[in-house]
Amino acid sequence: MRKLVVLSFISLDGILQAPGGPDEDTSGNFKYGGWTVSYADEVSNNIMGEQMSMPFDLLLGRKTGEVKTGSFV
């Protein structure tokens, strides 16, 4: 059995949608894509870089799969 590590961006009011870019996920008329960018700093960038530099399998939910690939794979 593998260890499951969840790496997520979540705002204090519970928003998980479109942290990366303005056009990442506009479903439900979400207009605030890229909301994490202004909060990034050297510490958070180093943590993300460390987490993403390790080998990993990526488990995507249905919506994320559709956003990233254009269709669910």
N, C-alpha and C. Protein backbone atom coordinates (compact mmCIF):
# COMPACT_ATOMS: atom_id res chain seq x y z
N MET A 1 0.85 -1.17 0.00
CA MET A 1 0.00 0.00 0.00
C MET A 1 0.90 1.23 0.00
N ARG A 2 0.53 2.23 -0.76
CA ARG A 2 1.29 3.47 -0.85
C ARG A 2 0.76 4.52 0.12
N LYS A 3 1.63 5.43 0.44
CA LYS A 3 1.23 6.58 1.24
C LYS A 3 0.58 7.59 0.31
N LEU A 4 -0.53 8.14 0.72
CA LEU A 4 -1.24 9.15 -0.06
C LEU A 4 -0.90 10.52 0.51
N VAL A 5 -0.33 11.38 -0.32
CA VAL A 5 0.00 12.74 0.08
C VAL A 5 -0.89 13.68 -0.71
N VAL A 6 -1.59 14.55 -0.01
CA VAL A 6 -2.47 15.51 -0.65
C VAL A 6 -1.78 16.86 -0.65
N LEU A 7 -1.61 17.41 -1.82
CA LEU A 7 -1.02 18.73 -1.98
C LEU A 7 -2.10 19.62 -2.57
N SER A 8 -2.60 20.54 -1.77
CA SER A 8 -3.75 21.31 -2.20
C SER A 8 -3.61 22.77 -1.84
N PHE A 9 -4.18 23.62 -2.66
CA PHE A 9 -4.28 25.04 -2.36
C PHE A 9 -5.72 25.30 -1.94
N ILE A 10 -5.90 25.85 -0.77
CA ILE A 10 -7.25 26.14 -0.29
C ILE A 10 -7.26 27.49 0.41
N SER A 11 -8.24 28.31 0.08
CA SER A 11 -8.35 29.62 0.73
C SER A 11 -9.03 29.45 2.09
N LEU A 12 -8.96 30.48 2.90
CA LEU A 12 -9.59 30.43 4.23
C LEU A 12 -11.10 30.24 4.16
N ASP A 13 -11.71 30.65 3.04
CA ASP A 13 -13.15 30.45 2.90
C ASP A 13 -13.48 29.17 2.12
N GLY A 14 -12.49 28.29 1.94
CA GLY A 14 -12.75 26.97 1.38
C GLY A 14 -12.66 26.84 -0.13
N ILE A 15 -12.13 27.82 -0.82
CA ILE A 15 -12.03 27.75 -2.27
C ILE A 15 -10.85 26.88 -2.67
N LEU A 16 -11.11 25.88 -3.49
CA LEU A 16 -10.08 25.00 -4.03
C LEU A 16 -9.92 25.19 -5.53
N GLN A 17 -10.70 26.03 -6.12
CA GLN A 17 -10.81 26.14 -7.57
C GLN A 17 -9.76 27.07 -8.17
N ALA A 18 -9.14 26.64 -9.26
CA ALA A 18 -8.30 27.43 -10.15
C ALA A 18 -7.22 28.25 -9.45
N PRO A 19 -6.32 27.61 -8.69
CA PRO A 19 -5.29 28.40 -8.05
C PRO A 19 -4.20 28.88 -9.00
N GLY A 20 -4.03 28.20 -10.14
CA GLY A 20 -2.87 28.45 -10.97
C GLY A 20 -2.95 29.58 -11.98
N GLY A 21 -4.08 29.77 -12.61
CA GLY A 21 -4.16 30.77 -13.66
C GLY A 21 -5.56 31.24 -13.90
N PRO A 22 -5.73 32.41 -14.50
CA PRO A 22 -7.05 33.01 -14.68
C PRO A 22 -8.01 32.19 -15.53
N ASP A 23 -7.49 31.40 -16.45
CA ASP A 23 -8.34 30.60 -17.34
C ASP A 23 -8.32 29.12 -16.99
N GLU A 24 -7.76 28.77 -15.83
CA GLU A 24 -7.60 27.36 -15.47
C GLU A 24 -8.93 26.64 -15.32
N ASP A 25 -9.88 27.23 -14.63
CA ASP A 25 -11.19 26.59 -14.43
C ASP A 25 -12.21 27.69 -14.20
N THR A 26 -12.98 27.98 -15.22
CA THR A 26 -13.98 29.05 -15.11
C THR A 26 -15.39 28.49 -14.91
N SER A 27 -15.48 27.19 -14.58
CA SER A 27 -16.80 26.60 -14.40
C SER A 27 -17.56 27.30 -13.27
N GLY A 28 -18.85 27.38 -13.42
CA GLY A 28 -19.69 28.06 -12.43
C GLY A 28 -19.45 29.56 -12.40
N ASN A 29 -18.96 30.11 -13.53
CA ASN A 29 -18.64 31.54 -13.65
C ASN A 29 -17.59 32.00 -12.65
N PHE A 30 -16.66 31.10 -12.28
CA PHE A 30 -15.58 31.47 -11.36
C PHE A 30 -14.64 32.44 -12.04
N LYS A 31 -14.46 33.62 -11.47
CA LYS A 31 -13.72 34.72 -12.11
C LYS A 31 -12.38 34.99 -11.44
N TYR A 32 -11.98 34.18 -10.47
CA TYR A 32 -10.81 34.52 -9.67
C TYR A 32 -9.66 33.54 -9.84
N GLY A 33 -9.56 32.93 -11.01
CA GLY A 33 -8.47 32.01 -11.27
C GLY A 33 -7.12 32.68 -11.06
N GLY A 34 -6.18 31.90 -10.57
CA GLY A 34 -4.85 32.44 -10.28
C GLY A 34 -4.77 33.13 -8.93
N TRP A 35 -5.76 32.87 -8.08
CA TRP A 35 -5.85 33.58 -6.80
C TRP A 35 -4.67 33.31 -5.88
N THR A 36 -3.90 32.23 -6.07
CA THR A 36 -2.78 31.95 -5.17
C THR A 36 -1.52 32.74 -5.52
N VAL A 37 -1.43 33.23 -6.74
CA VAL A 37 -0.20 33.86 -7.23
C VAL A 37 0.26 35.01 -6.33
N SER A 38 -0.63 35.86 -5.94
CA SER A 38 -0.22 37.02 -5.14
C SER A 38 0.20 36.65 -3.71
N TYR A 39 -0.08 35.42 -3.30
CA TYR A 39 0.29 34.97 -1.95
C TYR A 39 1.57 34.15 -1.93
N ALA A 40 2.10 33.83 -3.08
CA ALA A 40 3.32 33.02 -3.15
C ALA A 40 4.53 33.82 -2.68
N ASP A 41 5.43 33.14 -2.00
CA ASP A 41 6.68 33.76 -1.59
C ASP A 41 7.79 32.72 -1.70
N GLU A 42 8.99 33.08 -1.31
CA GLU A 42 10.12 32.17 -1.43
C GLU A 42 9.91 30.88 -0.65
N VAL A 43 9.35 30.98 0.54
CA VAL A 43 9.12 29.81 1.38
C VAL A 43 8.12 28.86 0.71
N SER A 44 6.97 29.40 0.28
CA SER A 44 5.96 28.53 -0.35
C SER A 44 6.48 27.95 -1.67
N ASN A 45 7.24 28.74 -2.42
CA ASN A 45 7.81 28.23 -3.67
C ASN A 45 8.80 27.10 -3.41
N ASN A 46 9.60 27.22 -2.35
CA ASN A 46 10.55 26.16 -2.01
C ASN A 46 9.84 24.89 -1.59
N ILE A 47 8.77 25.04 -0.81
CA ILE A 47 8.00 23.87 -0.37
C ILE A 47 7.38 23.18 -1.57
N MET A 48 6.76 23.94 -2.46
CA MET A 48 6.15 23.34 -3.65
C MET A 48 7.20 22.67 -4.53
N GLY A 49 8.33 23.33 -4.70
CA GLY A 49 9.41 22.76 -5.50
C GLY A 49 9.90 21.45 -4.93
N GLU A 50 10.03 21.39 -3.60
CA GLU A 50 10.46 20.17 -2.94
C GLU A 50 9.44 19.05 -3.13
N GLN A 51 8.17 19.37 -2.93
CA GLN A 51 7.11 18.37 -3.09
C GLN A 51 7.02 17.85 -4.52
N MET A 52 7.12 18.74 -5.47
CA MET A 52 6.93 18.36 -6.87
C MET A 52 8.19 17.75 -7.50
N SER A 53 9.34 17.83 -6.82
CA SER A 53 10.57 17.27 -7.39
C SER A 53 10.71 15.78 -7.11
N MET A 54 9.91 15.25 -6.19
CA MET A 54 9.96 13.82 -5.89
C MET A 54 9.14 13.04 -6.92
N PRO A 55 9.56 11.81 -7.22
CA PRO A 55 8.73 10.99 -8.13
C PRO A 55 7.35 10.78 -7.51
N PHE A 56 6.32 10.84 -8.35
CA PHE A 56 4.97 10.66 -7.82
C PHE A 56 4.03 10.18 -8.92
N ASP A 57 2.96 9.55 -8.49
CA ASP A 57 1.84 9.25 -9.37
C ASP A 57 0.81 10.33 -9.11
N LEU A 58 0.11 10.73 -10.13
CA LEU A 58 -0.84 11.82 -10.00
C LEU A 58 -2.26 11.28 -10.08
N LEU A 59 -3.01 11.54 -9.05
CA LEU A 59 -4.41 11.13 -9.01
C LEU A 59 -5.26 12.39 -9.18
N LEU A 60 -6.00 12.44 -10.28
CA LEU A 60 -6.83 13.60 -10.58
C LEU A 60 -8.30 13.24 -10.42
N GLY A 61 -9.06 14.18 -9.91
CA GLY A 61 -10.50 14.02 -9.91
C GLY A 61 -11.06 14.27 -11.29
N ARG A 62 -12.32 13.99 -11.49
CA ARG A 62 -12.94 14.13 -12.81
C ARG A 62 -12.81 15.55 -13.35
N LYS A 63 -13.14 16.54 -12.56
CA LYS A 63 -13.10 17.93 -13.05
C LYS A 63 -11.68 18.37 -13.37
N THR A 64 -10.73 18.05 -12.52
CA THR A 64 -9.35 18.42 -12.78
C THR A 64 -8.84 17.72 -14.03
N GLY A 65 -9.19 16.46 -14.20
CA GLY A 65 -8.80 15.75 -15.41
C GLY A 65 -9.34 16.39 -16.66
N GLU A 66 -10.59 16.84 -16.60
CA GLU A 66 -11.20 17.51 -17.76
C GLU A 66 -10.52 18.84 -18.04
N VAL A 67 -10.23 19.60 -17.01
CA VAL A 67 -9.59 20.91 -17.18
C VAL A 67 -8.20 20.75 -17.76
N LYS A 68 -7.43 19.80 -17.25
CA LYS A 68 -6.04 19.64 -17.67
C LYS A 68 -5.90 19.00 -19.03
N THR A 69 -6.81 18.13 -19.42
CA THR A 69 -6.65 17.39 -20.67
C THR A 69 -7.65 17.75 -21.75
N GLY A 70 -8.70 18.44 -21.39
CA GLY A 70 -9.75 18.75 -22.35
C GLY A 70 -10.81 17.64 -22.40
N SER A 71 -10.47 16.48 -21.91
CA SER A 71 -11.41 15.38 -21.78
C SER A 71 -10.89 14.46 -20.70
N PHE A 72 -11.75 13.66 -20.15
CA PHE A 72 -11.31 12.76 -19.10
C PHE A 72 -10.60 11.57 -19.71
N VAL A 73 -9.44 11.28 -19.21
CA VAL A 73 -8.62 10.17 -19.74
C VAL A 73 -8.76 9.00 -18.81
